[in-house]
Amino acid sequence: MLSGASRFDLVTQAGLKYPDTTDDLINVFQAVNKKERVAAYVTDSHYGWTFIPYLQAFGGNVFRNPPDDLFPTLDTPEAIAAADYFARLIREFGPNGGLTYTADQSTQALKLGRVNFSDSSQAYLAQLGDPASSRTLKTVNFGQLVQGPAGRFPGMAVHALGIPTGSKNKEAAWAFIQWALSKQTTQRAVQAGYGSPTRRSDIDSQAYRSKQIINGVDLAQLSLGAIERAAQGGYMKYRTVDVYPQVDQQLNKAIALIISGQLSAKQAMQQAQTASIADLRRSGAKI
């Protein structure tokens, strides 16, 4: 996960630099929000994904010590502070209806210049460099996710292809996986403009890297930096456990309740904590 600014020209006009910390981010948003009718911030409403880097930046986490200790830690002072901060970004600096924006809607809003900043994956942010569809190609800028009191924790997710144990066509399934992940197939994806390839050889290829220089910024190199940080930090372990989807849904609800003003950050996160414990126990998880 990286940070992107579609109308960075508004930031430079305000005499500010690309935000590096959570405090910087608020200062920038206060300076540019609604300038030229451009909202300062939008993000994917899958808050069980987009909120976590802020949760960890404030010193919180999803579980106590995943994957060994899966007791949720959503009601700690750090988690509550992070939730209050994150909800404020959307409530005060987002567009109308920003509470429900999907990743695709957020990307489209960035490309049209209707919103300025977002935190998203490389595959989405790379679309701002499409000369055929992006109106903000000449004003876009990119950076790492902001760091908070506890540091910087860009989210990192991977996907895999597998074969169910009950499959009646294992050989055909294996043949498909080999084809789908072959160098020939992944190279075709890169040539077609796909922004997030699976092979390091594709990432390092000239065909890919040349398309990732957007308005003078090397988006691929920023992404590699985020990947290396996640690999060294081990903070993505919360997503490696099979019961995370239950907590994910509780976080989605909690952040939405805070943004909409139905509950305070403390009330919403305490509710998410209680509901997550109940869900995990029903699933048979040892907590």
C-alpha atoms as a PDB file:
ATOM      1  CA  MET A   1       0.000   0.000   0.000  1.00  0.00           C
ATOM      2  CA  LEU A   2       1.266   3.429  -0.994  1.00  0.00           C
ATOM      3  CA  SER A   3       0.089   7.019  -0.882  1.00  0.00           C
ATOM      4  CA  GLY A   4      -0.955   9.026  -3.922  1.00  0.00           C
ATOM      5  CA  ALA A   5      -1.881  12.674  -4.484  1.00  0.00           C
ATOM      6  CA  SER A   6      -3.729  13.450  -7.702  1.00  0.00           C
ATOM      7  CA  ARG A   7      -3.594  17.250  -7.292  1.00  0.00           C
ATOM      8  CA  PHE A   8      -0.213  17.709  -5.702  1.00  0.00           C
ATOM      9  CA  ASP A   9      -0.029  21.119  -7.364  1.00  0.00           C
ATOM     10  CA  LEU A  10      -2.458  22.351  -4.718  1.00  0.00           C
ATOM     11  CA  VAL A  11      -0.023  21.202  -2.034  1.00  0.00           C
ATOM     12  CA  THR A  12       2.948  23.009  -3.583  1.00  0.00           C
ATOM     13  CA  GLN A  13       0.827  26.136  -4.045  1.00  0.00           C
ATOM     14  CA  ALA A  14       0.203  26.036  -0.305  1.00  0.00           C
ATOM     15  CA  GLY A  15       3.964  25.928   0.278  1.00  0.00           C
ATOM     16  CA  LEU A  16       3.902  22.409   1.701  1.00  0.00           C
ATOM     17  CA  LYS A  17       5.757  19.171   0.989  1.00  0.00           C
ATOM     18  CA  TYR A  18       4.513  15.609   0.570  1.00  0.00           C
ATOM     19  CA  PRO A  19       3.285  14.521   4.031  1.00  0.00           C
ATOM     20  CA  ASP A  20       5.534  12.089   5.874  1.00  0.00           C
ATOM     21  CA  THR A  21       3.841  11.848   9.269  1.00  0.00           C
ATOM     22  CA  THR A  22       0.281  11.651  10.559  1.00  0.00           C
ATOM     23  CA  ASP A  23       0.613  15.251  11.789  1.00  0.00           C
ATOM     24  CA  ASP A  24       1.881  16.355   8.362  1.00  0.00           C
ATOM     25  CA  LEU A  25      -1.133  14.701   6.741  1.00  0.00           C
ATOM     26  CA  ILE A  26      -3.611  16.704   8.820  1.00  0.00           C
ATOM     27  CA  ASN A  27      -1.717  19.933   8.119  1.00  0.00           C
ATOM     28  CA  VAL A  28      -1.755  19.295   4.368  1.00  0.00           C
ATOM     29  CA  PHE A  29      -5.428  18.338   4.342  1.00  0.00           C
ATOM     30  CA  GLN A  30      -6.379  21.471   6.264  1.00  0.00           C
ATOM     31  CA  ALA A  31      -4.489  23.556   3.717  1.00  0.00           C
ATOM     32  CA  VAL A  32      -5.887  22.017   0.524  1.00  0.00           C
ATOM     33  CA  ASN A  33      -9.309  20.571   1.370  1.00  0.00           C
ATOM     34  CA  LYS A  34     -11.996  21.816  -1.029  1.00  0.00           C
ATOM     35  CA  LYS A  35      -9.531  24.040  -2.894  1.00  0.00           C
ATOM     36  CA  GLU A  36     -10.807  24.180  -6.467  1.00  0.00           C
ATOM     37  CA  ARG A  37     -13.647  21.953  -5.193  1.00  0.00           C
ATOM     38  CA  VAL A  38     -11.233  19.046  -4.623  1.00  0.00           C
ATOM     39  CA  ALA A  39     -11.761  17.029  -1.439  1.00  0.00           C
ATOM     40  CA  ALA A  40      -8.522  16.221   0.354  1.00  0.00           C
ATOM     41  CA  TYR A  41      -8.912  12.477   0.985  1.00  0.00           C
ATOM     42  CA  VAL A  42     -10.671   9.305  -0.060  1.00  0.00           C
ATOM     43  CA  THR A  43     -10.049   5.645   0.631  1.00  0.00           C
ATOM     44  CA  ASP A  44     -11.497   2.202   0.068  1.00  0.00           C
ATOM     45  CA  SER A  45     -14.345   1.488   2.497  1.00  0.00           C
ATOM     46  CA  HIS A  46     -12.868  -1.938   3.232  1.00  0.00           C
ATOM     47  CA  TYR A  47     -11.663  -0.530   6.534  1.00  0.00           C
ATOM     48  CA  GLY A  48     -10.437  -3.890   7.759  1.00  0.00           C
ATOM     49  CA  TRP A  49      -7.691  -3.281   5.205  1.00  0.00           C
ATOM     50  CA  THR A  50      -7.220   0.489   4.829  1.00  0.00           C
ATOM     51  CA  PHE A  51      -7.406   1.300   8.541  1.00  0.00           C
ATOM     52  CA  ILE A  52      -4.778  -1.181   9.735  1.00  0.00           C
ATOM     53  CA  PRO A  53      -1.670   0.809   8.676  1.00  0.00           C
ATOM     54  CA  TYR A  54      -2.964   3.682  10.827  1.00  0.00           C
ATOM     55  CA  LEU A  55      -3.818   1.316  13.677  1.00  0.00           C
ATOM     56  CA  GLN A  56      -0.264   0.032  13.688  1.00  0.00           C
ATOM     57  CA  ALA A  57       1.239   3.496  13.152  1.00  0.00           C
ATOM     58  CA  PHE A  58      -0.381   4.570  16.422  1.00  0.00           C
ATOM     59  CA  GLY A  59       1.058   1.520  18.220  1.00  0.00           C
ATOM     60  CA  GLY A  60      -2.005  -0.714  18.102  1.00  0.00           C
ATOM     61  CA  ASN A  61      -2.612  -4.067  16.452  1.00  0.00           C
ATOM     62  CA  VAL A  62      -5.411  -6.455  15.550  1.00  0.00           C
ATOM     63  CA  PHE A  63      -4.311  -9.375  17.744  1.00  0.00           C
ATOM     64  CA  ARG A  64      -2.053  -9.584  20.781  1.00  0.00           C
ATOM     65  CA  ASN A  65       0.674 -11.631  19.100  1.00  0.00           C
ATOM     66  CA  PRO A  66      -0.403 -13.327  15.864  1.00  0.00           C
ATOM     67  CA  PRO A  67      -0.344 -16.098  14.823  1.00  0.00           C
ATOM     68  CA  ASP A  68       0.270 -17.606  18.277  1.00  0.00           C
ATOM     69  CA  ASP A  69      -1.903 -15.372  20.447  1.00  0.00           C
ATOM     70  CA  LEU A  70      -5.116 -14.320  18.669  1.00  0.00           C
ATOM     71  CA  PHE A  71      -6.736 -12.373  21.469  1.00  0.00           C
ATOM     72  CA  PRO A  72      -8.051  -9.161  19.841  1.00  0.00           C
ATOM     73  CA  THR A  73      -6.629  -5.810  20.938  1.00  0.00           C
ATOM     74  CA  LEU A  74      -9.112  -3.408  19.371  1.00  0.00           C
ATOM     75  CA  ASP A  75     -10.012  -1.480  22.533  1.00  0.00           C
ATOM     76  CA  THR A  76      -6.550  -0.365  23.616  1.00  0.00           C
ATOM     77  CA  PRO A  77      -5.869   3.386  23.946  1.00  0.00           C
ATOM     78  CA  GLU A  78      -3.666   3.178  20.855  1.00  0.00           C
ATOM     79  CA  ALA A  79      -6.370   1.479  18.780  1.00  0.00           C
ATOM     80  CA  ILE A  80      -8.998   3.982  19.865  1.00  0.00           C
ATOM     81  CA  ALA A  81      -6.732   6.933  19.052  1.00  0.00           C
ATOM     82  CA  ALA A  82      -5.983   5.456  15.633  1.00  0.00           C
ATOM     83  CA  ALA A  83      -9.663   4.879  14.883  1.00  0.00           C
ATOM     84  CA  ASP A  84     -10.537   8.432  15.904  1.00  0.00           C
ATOM     85  CA  TYR A  85      -7.767   9.832  13.686  1.00  0.00           C
ATOM     86  CA  PHE A  86      -8.631   7.675  10.670  1.00  0.00           C
ATOM     87  CA  ALA A  87     -12.355   8.392  10.877  1.00  0.00           C
ATOM     88  CA  ARG A  88     -11.584  12.106  11.017  1.00  0.00           C
ATOM     89  CA  LEU A  89      -9.732  11.904   7.698  1.00  0.00           C
ATOM     90  CA  ILE A  90     -12.852  10.608   5.976  1.00  0.00           C
ATOM     91  CA  ARG A  91     -15.429  12.631   7.907  1.00  0.00           C
ATOM     92  CA  GLU A  92     -13.730  16.042   7.662  1.00  0.00           C
ATOM     93  CA  PHE A  93     -11.722  15.798   4.466  1.00  0.00           C
ATOM     94  CA  GLY A  94     -13.584  13.283   2.303  1.00  0.00           C
ATOM     95  CA  PRO A  95     -16.038  13.862  -0.540  1.00  0.00           C
ATOM     96  CA  ASN A  96     -19.786  13.550  -0.130  1.00  0.00           C
ATOM     97  CA  GLY A  97     -20.501   9.859   0.358  1.00  0.00           C
ATOM     98  CA  GLY A  98     -16.847   9.149   1.108  1.00  0.00           C
ATOM     99  CA  LEU A  99     -17.891   6.668   3.790  1.00  0.00           C
ATOM    100  CA  THR A 100     -18.912   4.131   1.133  1.00  0.00           C
ATOM    101  CA  TYR A 101     -16.325   4.584  -1.635  1.00  0.00           C
ATOM    102  CA  THR A 102     -14.944   1.360  -3.079  1.00  0.00           C
ATOM    103  CA  ALA A 103     -11.381   1.022  -4.341  1.00  0.00           C
ATOM    104  CA  ASP A 104     -12.560   1.475  -7.932  1.00  0.00           C
ATOM    105  CA  GLN A 105     -14.596   4.568  -7.062  1.00  0.00           C
ATOM    106  CA  SER A 106     -11.672   6.048  -5.174  1.00  0.00           C
ATOM    107  CA  THR A 107      -9.363   5.480  -8.130  1.00  0.00           C
ATOM    108  CA  GLN A 108     -11.823   7.045 -10.547  1.00  0.00           C
ATOM    109  CA  ALA A 109     -12.209  10.088  -8.291  1.00  0.00           C
ATOM    110  CA  LEU A 110      -8.421  10.482  -8.208  1.00  0.00           C
ATOM    111  CA  LYS A 111      -8.146  10.183 -11.989  1.00  0.00           C
ATOM    112  CA  LEU A 112     -10.823  12.849 -12.443  1.00  0.00           C
ATOM    113  CA  GLY A 113      -9.232  15.166  -9.894  1.00  0.00           C
ATOM    114  CA  ARG A 114     -12.291  15.218  -7.652  1.00  0.00           C
ATOM    115  CA  VAL A 115     -10.220  14.157  -4.644  1.00  0.00           C
ATOM    116  CA  ASN A 116      -6.563  14.640  -3.883  1.00  0.00           C
ATOM    117  CA  PHE A 117      -4.975  12.050  -1.576  1.00  0.00           C
ATOM    118  CA  SER A 118      -5.574   8.346  -1.088  1.00  0.00           C
ATOM    119  CA  ASP A 119      -3.758   5.328   0.302  1.00  0.00           C
ATOM    120  CA  SER A 120      -4.061   2.409  -2.074  1.00  0.00           C
ATOM    121  CA  SER A 121      -2.199  -0.401  -3.785  1.00  0.00           C
ATOM    122  CA  GLN A 122       0.207   0.102  -6.640  1.00  0.00           C
ATOM    123  CA  ALA A 123      -2.202  -1.582  -9.056  1.00  0.00           C
ATOM    124  CA  TYR A 124      -4.765   1.170  -8.419  1.00  0.00           C
ATOM    125  CA  LEU A 125      -2.420   4.140  -8.129  1.00  0.00           C
ATOM    126  CA  ALA A 126      -0.627   3.205 -11.343  1.00  0.00           C
ATOM    127  CA  GLN A 127      -3.868   3.969 -13.186  1.00  0.00           C
ATOM    128  CA  LEU A 128      -3.289   7.659 -12.500  1.00  0.00           C
ATOM    129  CA  GLY A 129      -0.504   7.406 -15.064  1.00  0.00           C
ATOM    130  CA  ASP A 130      -2.805   6.315 -17.887  1.00  0.00           C
ATOM    131  CA  PRO A 131      -2.740   9.170 -20.434  1.00  0.00           C
ATOM    132  CA  ALA A 132      -5.978   7.937 -21.998  1.00  0.00           C
ATOM    133  CA  SER A 133      -8.100   8.179 -18.839  1.00  0.00           C
ATOM    134  CA  SER A 134      -6.314  10.220 -16.160  1.00  0.00           C
ATOM    135  CA  ARG A 135      -6.935  13.955 -16.045  1.00  0.00           C
ATOM    136  CA  THR A 136      -4.398  14.322 -13.264  1.00  0.00           C
ATOM    137  CA  LEU A 137      -1.380  12.771 -14.987  1.00  0.00           C
ATOM    138  CA  LYS A 138       0.567  16.052 -14.911  1.00  0.00           C
ATOM    139  CA  THR A 139      -0.237  16.915 -11.290  1.00  0.00           C
ATOM    140  CA  VAL A 140       0.067  13.525  -9.580  1.00  0.00           C
ATOM    141  CA  ASN A 141       2.676  12.595  -6.988  1.00  0.00           C
ATOM    142  CA  PHE A 142       3.302   9.508  -4.870  1.00  0.00           C
ATOM    143  CA  GLY A 143       4.922   8.603  -1.584  1.00  0.00           C
ATOM    144  CA  GLN A 144       5.064   6.072   1.213  1.00  0.00           C
ATOM    145  CA  LEU A 145       2.246   5.839   3.726  1.00  0.00           C
ATOM    146  CA  VAL A 146       2.659   8.305   6.545  1.00  0.00           C
ATOM    147  CA  GLN A 147       4.345   7.230   9.744  1.00  0.00           C
ATOM    148  CA  GLY A 148       2.786   7.679  13.153  1.00  0.00           C
ATOM    149  CA  PRO A 149       4.116   7.636  16.722  1.00  0.00           C
ATOM    150  CA  ALA A 150       5.012   3.930  16.400  1.00  0.00           C
ATOM    151  CA  GLY A 151       6.444   4.052  12.866  1.00  0.00           C
ATOM    152  CA  ARG A 152       5.430   3.308   9.287  1.00  0.00           C
ATOM    153  CA  PHE A 153       3.459   0.162   8.400  1.00  0.00           C
ATOM    154  CA  PRO A 154       2.354  -0.010   4.760  1.00  0.00           C
ATOM    155  CA  GLY A 155      -0.117  -2.829   4.174  1.00  0.00           C
ATOM    156  CA  MET A 156       0.993  -5.685   1.970  1.00  0.00           C
ATOM    157  CA  ALA A 157      -1.254  -8.417   0.597  1.00  0.00           C
ATOM    158  CA  VAL A 158      -0.590 -11.351  -1.719  1.00  0.00           C
ATOM    159  CA  HIS A 159      -2.855 -13.762  -3.505  1.00  0.00           C
ATOM    160  CA  ALA A 160      -2.385 -17.398  -4.398  1.00  0.00           C
ATOM    161  CA  LEU A 161      -3.864 -20.086  -6.610  1.00  0.00           C
ATOM    162  CA  GLY A 162      -4.615 -23.427  -4.988  1.00  0.00           C
ATOM    163  CA  ILE A 163      -6.315 -26.733  -5.656  1.00  0.00           C
ATOM    164  CA  PRO A 164      -9.050 -27.940  -3.253  1.00  0.00           C
ATOM    165  CA  THR A 165      -8.402 -31.357  -1.771  1.00  0.00           C
ATOM    166  CA  GLY A 166     -11.747 -32.543  -3.138  1.00  0.00           C
ATOM    167  CA  SER A 167     -11.046 -31.437  -6.693  1.00  0.00           C
ATOM    168  CA  LYS A 168     -11.909 -34.023  -9.343  1.00  0.00           C
ATOM    169  CA  ASN A 169      -9.631 -32.358 -11.895  1.00  0.00           C
ATOM    170  CA  LYS A 170      -6.388 -31.806 -10.040  1.00  0.00           C
ATOM    171  CA  GLU A 171      -4.224 -32.342 -13.118  1.00  0.00           C
ATOM    172  CA  ALA A 172      -6.159 -29.764 -15.142  1.00  0.00           C
ATOM    173  CA  ALA A 173      -6.097 -27.334 -12.237  1.00  0.00           C
ATOM    174  CA  TRP A 174      -2.339 -27.730 -11.874  1.00  0.00           C
ATOM    175  CA  ALA A 175      -1.891 -27.193 -15.598  1.00  0.00           C
ATOM    176  CA  PHE A 176      -3.900 -23.971 -15.380  1.00  0.00           C
ATOM    177  CA  ILE A 177      -1.829 -22.690 -12.454  1.00  0.00           C
ATOM    178  CA  GLN A 178       1.383 -23.401 -14.324  1.00  0.00           C
ATOM    179  CA  TRP A 179       0.057 -21.544 -17.361  1.00  0.00           C
ATOM    180  CA  ALA A 180      -1.341 -18.584 -15.392  1.00  0.00           C
ATOM    181  CA  LEU A 181       1.905 -18.006 -13.487  1.00  0.00           C
ATOM    182  CA  SER A 182       4.296 -18.832 -16.314  1.00  0.00           C
ATOM    183  CA  LYS A 183       6.799 -16.185 -17.395  1.00  0.00           C
ATOM    184  CA  GLN A 184       5.140 -15.983 -20.780  1.00  0.00           C
ATOM    185  CA  THR A 185       1.721 -15.220 -19.318  1.00  0.00           C
ATOM    186  CA  THR A 186       2.942 -12.755 -16.674  1.00  0.00           C
ATOM    187  CA  GLN A 187       5.023 -10.931 -19.293  1.00  0.00           C
ATOM    188  CA  ARG A 188       1.876 -10.526 -21.397  1.00  0.00           C
ATOM    189  CA  ALA A 189       0.143  -8.997 -18.377  1.00  0.00           C
ATOM    190  CA  VAL A 190       2.978  -6.513 -17.952  1.00  0.00           C
ATOM    191  CA  GLN A 191       2.888  -5.571 -21.622  1.00  0.00           C
ATOM    192  CA  ALA A 192      -0.865  -4.991 -21.324  1.00  0.00           C
ATOM    193  CA  GLY A 193      -0.194  -2.467 -18.566  1.00  0.00           C
ATOM    194  CA  TYR A 194      -1.027  -4.463 -15.425  1.00  0.00           C
ATOM    195  CA  GLY A 195       0.338  -2.520 -12.481  1.00  0.00           C
ATOM    196  CA  SER A 196       1.177  -5.219  -9.951  1.00  0.00           C
ATOM    197  CA  PRO A 197       2.997  -8.248 -11.422  1.00  0.00           C
ATOM    198  CA  THR A 198       3.863 -11.349  -9.423  1.00  0.00           C
ATOM    199  CA  ARG A 199       7.405 -12.040 -10.608  1.00  0.00           C
ATOM    200  CA  ARG A 200      10.449  -9.998  -9.556  1.00  0.00           C
ATOM    201  CA  SER A 201      11.822 -10.476 -13.071  1.00  0.00           C
ATOM    202  CA  ASP A 202       8.720  -8.682 -14.385  1.00  0.00           C
ATOM    203  CA  ILE A 203       9.075  -5.881 -11.833  1.00  0.00           C
ATOM    204  CA  ASP A 204      12.701  -5.384 -12.865  1.00  0.00           C
ATOM    205  CA  SER A 205      11.977  -5.535 -16.597  1.00  0.00           C
ATOM    206  CA  GLN A 206      12.285  -2.423 -18.718  1.00  0.00           C
ATOM    207  CA  ALA A 207       8.786  -2.995 -20.113  1.00  0.00           C
ATOM    208  CA  TYR A 208       7.352  -2.669 -16.628  1.00  0.00           C
ATOM    209  CA  ARG A 209       9.621  -0.068 -15.059  1.00  0.00           C
ATOM    210  CA  SER A 210       9.241   2.350 -17.945  1.00  0.00           C
ATOM    211  CA  LYS A 211       5.471   2.450 -17.409  1.00  0.00           C
ATOM    212  CA  GLN A 212       5.867   3.018 -13.680  1.00  0.00           C
ATOM    213  CA  ILE A 213       7.625   6.365 -14.011  1.00  0.00           C
ATOM    214  CA  ILE A 214       4.613   8.643 -13.564  1.00  0.00           C
ATOM    215  CA  ASN A 215       5.096  12.390 -13.607  1.00  0.00           C
ATOM    216  CA  GLY A 216       8.754  11.798 -12.724  1.00  0.00           C
ATOM    217  CA  VAL A 217       8.074   9.492  -9.752  1.00  0.00           C
ATOM    218  CA  ASP A 218       9.230   5.853  -9.756  1.00  0.00           C
ATOM    219  CA  LEU A 219       6.114   4.121  -8.454  1.00  0.00           C
ATOM    220  CA  ALA A 220       7.680   0.664  -8.812  1.00  0.00           C
ATOM    221  CA  GLN A 221      10.589   1.596  -6.560  1.00  0.00           C
ATOM    222  CA  LEU A 222       8.225   2.983  -3.939  1.00  0.00           C
ATOM    223  CA  SER A 223       6.311  -0.285  -4.048  1.00  0.00           C
ATOM    224  CA  LEU A 224       9.465  -2.349  -3.637  1.00  0.00           C
ATOM    225  CA  GLY A 225      10.327  -0.256  -0.591  1.00  0.00           C
ATOM    226  CA  ALA A 226       6.933  -1.025   0.937  1.00  0.00           C
ATOM    227  CA  ILE A 227       7.345  -4.739   0.185  1.00  0.00           C
ATOM    228  CA  GLU A 228      10.756  -4.823   1.859  1.00  0.00           C
ATOM    229  CA  ARG A 229       9.459  -2.964   4.914  1.00  0.00           C
ATOM    230  CA  ALA A 230       6.600  -5.439   5.324  1.00  0.00           C
ATOM    231  CA  ALA A 231       8.946  -8.406   4.877  1.00  0.00           C
ATOM    232  CA  GLN A 232      11.359  -7.161   7.533  1.00  0.00           C
ATOM    233  CA  GLY A 233       8.770  -5.958  10.023  1.00  0.00           C
ATOM    234  CA  GLY A 234       6.558  -9.040  10.265  1.00  0.00           C
ATOM    235  CA  TYR A 235       3.595  -6.817  11.077  1.00  0.00           C
ATOM    236  CA  MET A 236       1.354  -8.392   8.429  1.00  0.00           C
ATOM    237  CA  LYS A 237       1.007 -11.624  10.423  1.00  0.00           C
ATOM    238  CA  TYR A 238      -2.508 -10.622  11.406  1.00  0.00           C
ATOM    239  CA  ARG A 239      -3.619 -11.453   7.849  1.00  0.00           C
ATOM    240  CA  THR A 240      -2.078 -14.919   7.888  1.00  0.00           C
ATOM    241  CA  VAL A 241      -4.630 -16.403  10.295  1.00  0.00           C
ATOM    242  CA  ASP A 242      -7.847 -17.958   9.044  1.00  0.00           C
ATOM    243  CA  VAL A 243     -10.044 -16.142  11.577  1.00  0.00           C
ATOM    244  CA  TYR A 244      -9.073 -12.625  10.527  1.00  0.00           C
ATOM    245  CA  PRO A 245     -12.169 -12.204   8.279  1.00  0.00           C
ATOM    246  CA  GLN A 246     -14.357 -12.219  11.391  1.00  0.00           C
ATOM    247  CA  VAL A 247     -12.393  -9.326  12.894  1.00  0.00           C
ATOM    248  CA  ASP A 248     -12.190  -7.627   9.505  1.00  0.00           C
ATOM    249  CA  GLN A 249     -15.983  -7.333   9.411  1.00  0.00           C
ATOM    250  CA  GLN A 250     -16.131  -5.912  12.932  1.00  0.00           C
ATOM    251  CA  LEU A 251     -13.582  -3.250  11.996  1.00  0.00           C
ATOM    252  CA  ASN A 252     -15.604  -2.330   8.909  1.00  0.00           C
ATOM    253  CA  LYS A 253     -18.618  -1.723  11.133  1.00  0.00           C
ATOM    254  CA  ALA A 254     -16.690   0.141  13.811  1.00  0.00           C
ATOM    255  CA  ILE A 255     -15.021   2.650  11.510  1.00  0.00           C
ATOM    256  CA  ALA A 256     -18.292   3.314   9.666  1.00  0.00           C
ATOM    257  CA  LEU A 257     -20.046   3.995  12.985  1.00  0.00           C
ATOM    258  CA  ILE A 258     -17.352   6.461  14.004  1.00  0.00           C
ATOM    259  CA  ILE A 259     -17.352   8.293  10.668  1.00  0.00           C
ATOM    260  CA  SER A 260     -21.125   8.614  10.686  1.00  0.00           C
ATOM    261  CA  GLY A 261     -21.117   9.891  14.274  1.00  0.00           C
ATOM    262  CA  GLN A 262     -23.302   7.090  15.596  1.00  0.00           C
ATOM    263  CA  LEU A 263     -20.680   6.052  18.154  1.00  0.00           C
ATOM    264  CA  SER A 264     -17.516   7.573  19.563  1.00  0.00           C
ATOM    265  CA  ALA A 265     -14.216   5.923  18.702  1.00  0.00           C
ATOM    266  CA  LYS A 266     -14.048   4.420  22.191  1.00  0.00           C
ATOM    267  CA  GLN A 267     -17.582   3.030  22.023  1.00  0.00           C
ATOM    268  CA  ALA A 268     -17.168   1.619  18.505  1.00  0.00           C
ATOM    269  CA  MET A 269     -13.836  -0.048  19.189  1.00  0.00           C
ATOM    270  CA  GLN A 270     -15.038  -1.525  22.481  1.00  0.00           C
ATOM    271  CA  GLN A 271     -18.024  -2.924  20.621  1.00  0.00           C
ATOM    272  CA  ALA A 272     -15.736  -4.337  17.928  1.00  0.00           C
ATOM    273  CA  GLN A 273     -13.555  -5.920  20.603  1.00  0.00           C
ATOM    274  CA  THR A 274     -16.484  -7.626  22.322  1.00  0.00           C
ATOM    275  CA  ALA A 275     -18.026  -8.821  19.042  1.00  0.00           C
ATOM    276  CA  SER A 276     -14.679 -10.082  17.733  1.00  0.00           C
ATOM    277  CA  ILE A 277     -14.070 -12.154  20.851  1.00  0.00           C
ATOM    278  CA  ALA A 278     -17.522 -13.688  20.519  1.00  0.00           C
ATOM    279  CA  ASP A 279     -17.014 -14.411  16.795  1.00  0.00           C
ATOM    280  CA  LEU A 280     -13.624 -16.003  17.378  1.00  0.00           C
ATOM    281  CA  ARG A 281     -14.921 -18.218  20.129  1.00  0.00           C
ATOM    282  CA  ARG A 282     -17.793 -19.364  17.930  1.00  0.00           C
ATOM    283  CA  SER A 283     -15.258 -20.257  15.249  1.00  0.00           C
ATOM    284  CA  GLY A 284     -13.329 -22.440  17.688  1.00  0.00           C
ATOM    285  CA  ALA A 285     -10.266 -20.214  17.825  1.00  0.00           C
ATOM    286  CA  LYS A 286      -8.202 -20.447  20.991  1.00  0.00           C
ATOM    287  CA  ILE A 287      -7.993 -17.000  22.571  1.00  0.00           C
END
